[in-house]
Amino acid sequence: MKTNITKLARRLLIFYRFRGRQGIAIYLAMVILSITLAVGLGVNLLVTSRLKIINQAIDSMAASNAAEEGTEWALYQYFNGYIDESNYLANCNVNGISGLCASVAGGGASYEVTAFMCPNGVDFCFDSVGECRDAQRIIRSNFDL
């Protein structure tokens, strides 16, 4: 009975049929290392793609927040009389350009506000463009007072 168990155990061993042959260990090690490398590269690809998606979502939120900050800035400018109602340009005079106002919103994001006359007869229109790296979000607003 003991000899049958020993024979069965030897048959189940994967290396049993290679007994007596030289050099099989290096081939087996190469196969195992190749499989391990393939699995590691696959996991690395998944993780880096997920991190890229997360960073894009963060940039998109920062751009949206910057566009909203630009909207608030434009409303403040309008209600405090800094908008010239004859040509609807903001008198911010940033970098020598009137009507195109830009500012850094923080965190690498920035906004740019352009005020213009509305085509449908509404008093005040403006576009607030928020940007952060490759993400860009635009808020177009108009209102009648």
C-alpha atoms as a PDB file:
ATOM      1  CA  MET A   1       0.000   0.000   0.000  1.00  0.00           C
ATOM      2  CA  LYS A   2       2.823   2.356   0.874  1.00  0.00           C
ATOM      3  CA  THR A   3       4.531   1.715  -2.434  1.00  0.00           C
ATOM      4  CA  ASN A   4       1.306   2.519  -4.340  1.00  0.00           C
ATOM      5  CA  ILE A   5       1.003   5.888  -2.599  1.00  0.00           C
ATOM      6  CA  THR A   6       4.636   6.642  -3.355  1.00  0.00           C
ATOM      7  CA  LYS A   7       4.194   5.753  -7.010  1.00  0.00           C
ATOM      8  CA  LEU A   8       1.034   7.840  -7.248  1.00  0.00           C
ATOM      9  CA  ALA A   9       2.789  10.819  -5.640  1.00  0.00           C
ATOM     10  CA  ARG A  10       5.665  10.504  -8.092  1.00  0.00           C
ATOM     11  CA  ARG A  11       3.286  10.416 -11.036  1.00  0.00           C
ATOM     12  CA  LEU A  12       1.543  13.577  -9.849  1.00  0.00           C
ATOM     13  CA  LEU A  13       4.781  15.495  -9.645  1.00  0.00           C
ATOM     14  CA  ILE A  14       5.293  17.625 -12.719  1.00  0.00           C
ATOM     15  CA  PHE A  15       9.030  17.087 -12.766  1.00  0.00           C
ATOM     16  CA  TYR A  16       8.847  13.308 -12.541  1.00  0.00           C
ATOM     17  CA  ARG A  17       8.818  12.717 -16.269  1.00  0.00           C
ATOM     18  CA  PHE A  18      11.821  15.012 -16.687  1.00  0.00           C
ATOM     19  CA  ARG A  19      13.879  13.052 -14.162  1.00  0.00           C
ATOM     20  CA  GLY A  20      17.301  12.366 -15.483  1.00  0.00           C
ATOM     21  CA  ARG A  21      17.215  15.171 -18.057  1.00  0.00           C
ATOM     22  CA  GLN A  22      19.564  18.086 -17.530  1.00  0.00           C
ATOM     23  CA  GLY A  23      18.675  21.803 -17.987  1.00  0.00           C
ATOM     24  CA  ILE A  24      14.890  21.695 -17.588  1.00  0.00           C
ATOM     25  CA  ALA A  25      14.998  23.976 -14.549  1.00  0.00           C
ATOM     26  CA  ILE A  26      16.245  26.975 -16.516  1.00  0.00           C
ATOM     27  CA  TYR A  27      13.502  26.599 -19.124  1.00  0.00           C
ATOM     28  CA  LEU A  28      10.866  26.255 -16.465  1.00  0.00           C
ATOM     29  CA  ALA A  29      12.234  29.317 -14.621  1.00  0.00           C
ATOM     30  CA  MET A  30      12.090  31.318 -17.869  1.00  0.00           C
ATOM     31  CA  VAL A  31       8.463  30.328 -18.451  1.00  0.00           C
ATOM     32  CA  ILE A  32       7.491  31.275 -14.897  1.00  0.00           C
ATOM     33  CA  LEU A  33       9.350  34.591 -15.143  1.00  0.00           C
ATOM     34  CA  SER A  34       7.693  35.355 -18.497  1.00  0.00           C
ATOM     35  CA  ILE A  35       4.241  34.707 -17.068  1.00  0.00           C
ATOM     36  CA  THR A  36       5.030  36.847 -14.018  1.00  0.00           C
ATOM     37  CA  LEU A  37       6.336  39.655 -16.239  1.00  0.00           C
ATOM     38  CA  ALA A  38       3.222  39.537 -18.449  1.00  0.00           C
ATOM     39  CA  VAL A  39       0.915  39.718 -15.420  1.00  0.00           C
ATOM     40  CA  GLY A  40       2.963  42.579 -13.928  1.00  0.00           C
ATOM     41  CA  LEU A  41       2.882  44.570 -17.174  1.00  0.00           C
ATOM     42  CA  GLY A  42      -0.872  44.016 -17.480  1.00  0.00           C
ATOM     43  CA  VAL A  43      -1.497  45.289 -13.964  1.00  0.00           C
ATOM     44  CA  ASN A  44       0.795  48.262 -14.615  1.00  0.00           C
ATOM     45  CA  LEU A  45      -1.163  49.137 -17.768  1.00  0.00           C
ATOM     46  CA  LEU A  46      -4.474  48.984 -15.896  1.00  0.00           C
ATOM     47  CA  VAL A  47      -3.235  51.125 -13.014  1.00  0.00           C
ATOM     48  CA  THR A  48      -1.706  53.817 -15.230  1.00  0.00           C
ATOM     49  CA  SER A  49      -4.846  54.054 -17.380  1.00  0.00           C
ATOM     50  CA  ARG A  50      -7.010  54.432 -14.261  1.00  0.00           C
ATOM     51  CA  LEU A  51      -4.699  57.129 -12.884  1.00  0.00           C
ATOM     52  CA  LYS A  52      -4.922  59.009 -16.187  1.00  0.00           C
ATOM     53  CA  ILE A  53      -8.728  58.906 -16.043  1.00  0.00           C
ATOM     54  CA  ILE A  54      -8.707  60.141 -12.438  1.00  0.00           C
ATOM     55  CA  ASN A  55      -6.347  63.013 -13.310  1.00  0.00           C
ATOM     56  CA  GLN A  56      -8.565  64.008 -16.233  1.00  0.00           C
ATOM     57  CA  ALA A  57     -11.602  64.067 -13.929  1.00  0.00           C
ATOM     58  CA  ILE A  58      -9.728  66.248 -11.425  1.00  0.00           C
ATOM     59  CA  ASP A  59      -8.688  68.648 -14.203  1.00  0.00           C
ATOM     60  CA  SER A  60     -12.270  68.769 -15.477  1.00  0.00           C
ATOM     61  CA  MET A  61     -13.594  69.671 -12.026  1.00  0.00           C
ATOM     62  CA  ALA A  62     -10.910  72.341 -11.615  1.00  0.00           C
ATOM     63  CA  ALA A  63     -11.836  73.811 -15.018  1.00  0.00           C
ATOM     64  CA  SER A  64     -15.539  73.821 -14.075  1.00  0.00           C
ATOM     65  CA  ASN A  65     -14.756  75.566 -10.798  1.00  0.00           C
ATOM     66  CA  ALA A  66     -12.617  78.126 -12.610  1.00  0.00           C
ATOM     67  CA  ALA A  67     -15.421  78.823 -15.112  1.00  0.00           C
ATOM     68  CA  GLU A  68     -17.840  79.277 -12.229  1.00  0.00           C
ATOM     69  CA  GLU A  69     -15.402  81.647 -10.533  1.00  0.00           C
ATOM     70  CA  GLY A  70     -15.222  83.624 -13.780  1.00  0.00           C
ATOM     71  CA  THR A  71     -19.019  83.796 -13.843  1.00  0.00           C
ATOM     72  CA  GLU A  72     -19.065  85.170 -10.308  1.00  0.00           C
ATOM     73  CA  TRP A  73     -16.381  87.678 -11.252  1.00  0.00           C
ATOM     74  CA  ALA A  74     -18.410  88.865 -14.266  1.00  0.00           C
ATOM     75  CA  LEU A  75     -21.562  89.280 -12.172  1.00  0.00           C
ATOM     76  CA  TYR A  76     -19.603  91.253  -9.587  1.00  0.00           C
ATOM     77  CA  GLN A  77     -18.175  93.464 -12.326  1.00  0.00           C
ATOM     78  CA  TYR A  78     -21.621  94.055 -13.794  1.00  0.00           C
ATOM     79  CA  PHE A  79     -23.440  94.837 -10.560  1.00  0.00           C
ATOM     80  CA  ASN A  80     -20.683  97.172  -9.375  1.00  0.00           C
ATOM     81  CA  GLY A  81     -20.717  99.204 -12.573  1.00  0.00           C
ATOM     82  CA  TYR A  82     -17.440  98.063 -14.072  1.00  0.00           C
ATOM     83  CA  ILE A  83     -19.082  96.998 -17.335  1.00  0.00           C
ATOM     84  CA  ASP A  84     -19.316  99.704 -19.991  1.00  0.00           C
ATOM     85  CA  GLU A  85     -22.891  99.377 -21.241  1.00  0.00           C
ATOM     86  CA  SER A  86     -22.185 101.187 -24.515  1.00  0.00           C
ATOM     87  CA  ASN A  87     -20.001  98.353 -25.789  1.00  0.00           C
ATOM     88  CA  TYR A  88     -20.466  95.745 -23.035  1.00  0.00           C
ATOM     89  CA  LEU A  89     -16.768  95.435 -22.355  1.00  0.00           C
ATOM     90  CA  ALA A  90     -15.412  94.863 -18.903  1.00  0.00           C
ATOM     91  CA  ASN A  91     -12.970  97.501 -17.756  1.00  0.00           C
ATOM     92  CA  CYS A  92     -10.559  95.059 -16.212  1.00  0.00           C
ATOM     93  CA  ASN A  93      -7.674  96.010 -18.502  1.00  0.00           C
ATOM     94  CA  VAL A  94      -5.679  92.856 -17.845  1.00  0.00           C
ATOM     95  CA  ASN A  95      -2.490  92.797 -19.930  1.00  0.00           C
ATOM     96  CA  GLY A  96      -3.698  95.829 -21.859  1.00  0.00           C
ATOM     97  CA  ILE A  97      -6.743  94.025 -23.288  1.00  0.00           C
ATOM     98  CA  SER A  98     -10.137  95.467 -22.405  1.00  0.00           C
ATOM     99  CA  GLY A  99     -13.149  93.157 -22.477  1.00  0.00           C
ATOM    100  CA  LEU A 100     -11.147  89.981 -22.173  1.00  0.00           C
ATOM    101  CA  CYS A 101     -10.408  89.364 -18.524  1.00  0.00           C
ATOM    102  CA  ALA A 102      -8.337  86.478 -17.286  1.00  0.00           C
ATOM    103  CA  SER A 103      -7.225  85.368 -13.878  1.00  0.00           C
ATOM    104  CA  VAL A 104      -5.647  82.422 -12.180  1.00  0.00           C
ATOM    105  CA  ALA A 105      -8.215  80.484 -10.175  1.00  0.00           C
ATOM    106  CA  GLY A 106      -5.681  78.397  -8.254  1.00  0.00           C
ATOM    107  CA  GLY A 107      -4.500  74.832  -8.567  1.00  0.00           C
ATOM    108  CA  GLY A 108      -3.222  75.376 -12.091  1.00  0.00           C
ATOM    109  CA  ALA A 109      -6.656  76.436 -13.344  1.00  0.00           C
ATOM    110  CA  SER A 110      -7.517  79.765 -14.904  1.00  0.00           C
ATOM    111  CA  TYR A 111     -10.574  81.487 -16.257  1.00  0.00           C
ATOM    112  CA  GLU A 112     -11.217  83.942 -19.030  1.00  0.00           C
ATOM    113  CA  VAL A 113     -14.362  86.055 -19.264  1.00  0.00           C
ATOM    114  CA  THR A 114     -15.620  87.737 -22.419  1.00  0.00           C
ATOM    115  CA  ALA A 115     -18.578  90.122 -22.144  1.00  0.00           C
ATOM    116  CA  PHE A 116     -20.643  90.978 -25.227  1.00  0.00           C
ATOM    117  CA  MET A 117     -23.995  92.279 -26.373  1.00  0.00           C
ATOM    118  CA  CYS A 118     -26.571  89.535 -26.504  1.00  0.00           C
ATOM    119  CA  PRO A 119     -28.036  88.807 -29.951  1.00  0.00           C
ATOM    120  CA  ASN A 120     -31.552  88.313 -28.570  1.00  0.00           C
ATOM    121  CA  GLY A 121     -31.787  91.747 -26.938  1.00  0.00           C
ATOM    122  CA  VAL A 122     -30.961  90.654 -23.393  1.00  0.00           C
ATOM    123  CA  ASP A 123     -28.888  93.267 -21.555  1.00  0.00           C
ATOM    124  CA  PHE A 124     -25.755  91.362 -20.691  1.00  0.00           C
ATOM    125  CA  CYS A 125     -24.095  88.211 -21.976  1.00  0.00           C
ATOM    126  CA  PHE A 126     -20.760  86.703 -21.179  1.00  0.00           C
ATOM    127  CA  ASP A 127     -18.755  83.555 -21.677  1.00  0.00           C
ATOM    128  CA  SER A 128     -16.638  82.269 -18.854  1.00  0.00           C
ATOM    129  CA  VAL A 129     -14.049  79.748 -19.986  1.00  0.00           C
ATOM    130  CA  GLY A 130     -12.296  77.707 -17.308  1.00  0.00           C
ATOM    131  CA  GLU A 131      -9.144  75.803 -18.208  1.00  0.00           C
ATOM    132  CA  CYS A 132      -6.919  73.368 -16.387  1.00  0.00           C
ATOM    133  CA  ARG A 133      -4.240  71.567 -18.395  1.00  0.00           C
ATOM    134  CA  ASP A 134      -6.160  69.845 -21.232  1.00  0.00           C
ATOM    135  CA  ALA A 135      -9.642  70.336 -19.770  1.00  0.00           C
ATOM    136  CA  GLN A 136     -11.802  73.271 -20.799  1.00  0.00           C
ATOM    137  CA  ARG A 137     -15.293  74.113 -19.527  1.00  0.00           C
ATOM    138  CA  ILE A 138     -17.449  76.996 -20.742  1.00  0.00           C
ATOM    139  CA  ILE A 139     -20.342  78.701 -18.978  1.00  0.00           C
ATOM    140  CA  ARG A 140     -22.394  81.006 -21.184  1.00  0.00           C
ATOM    141  CA  SER A 141     -24.692  83.293 -19.241  1.00  0.00           C
ATOM    142  CA  ASN A 142     -27.222  85.944 -20.137  1.00  0.00           C
ATOM    143  CA  PHE A 143     -29.765  87.799 -18.070  1.00  0.00           C
ATOM    144  CA  ASP A 144     -32.185  90.676 -18.392  1.00  0.00           C
ATOM    145  CA  LEU A 145     -32.326  93.207 -15.614  1.00  0.00           C
END
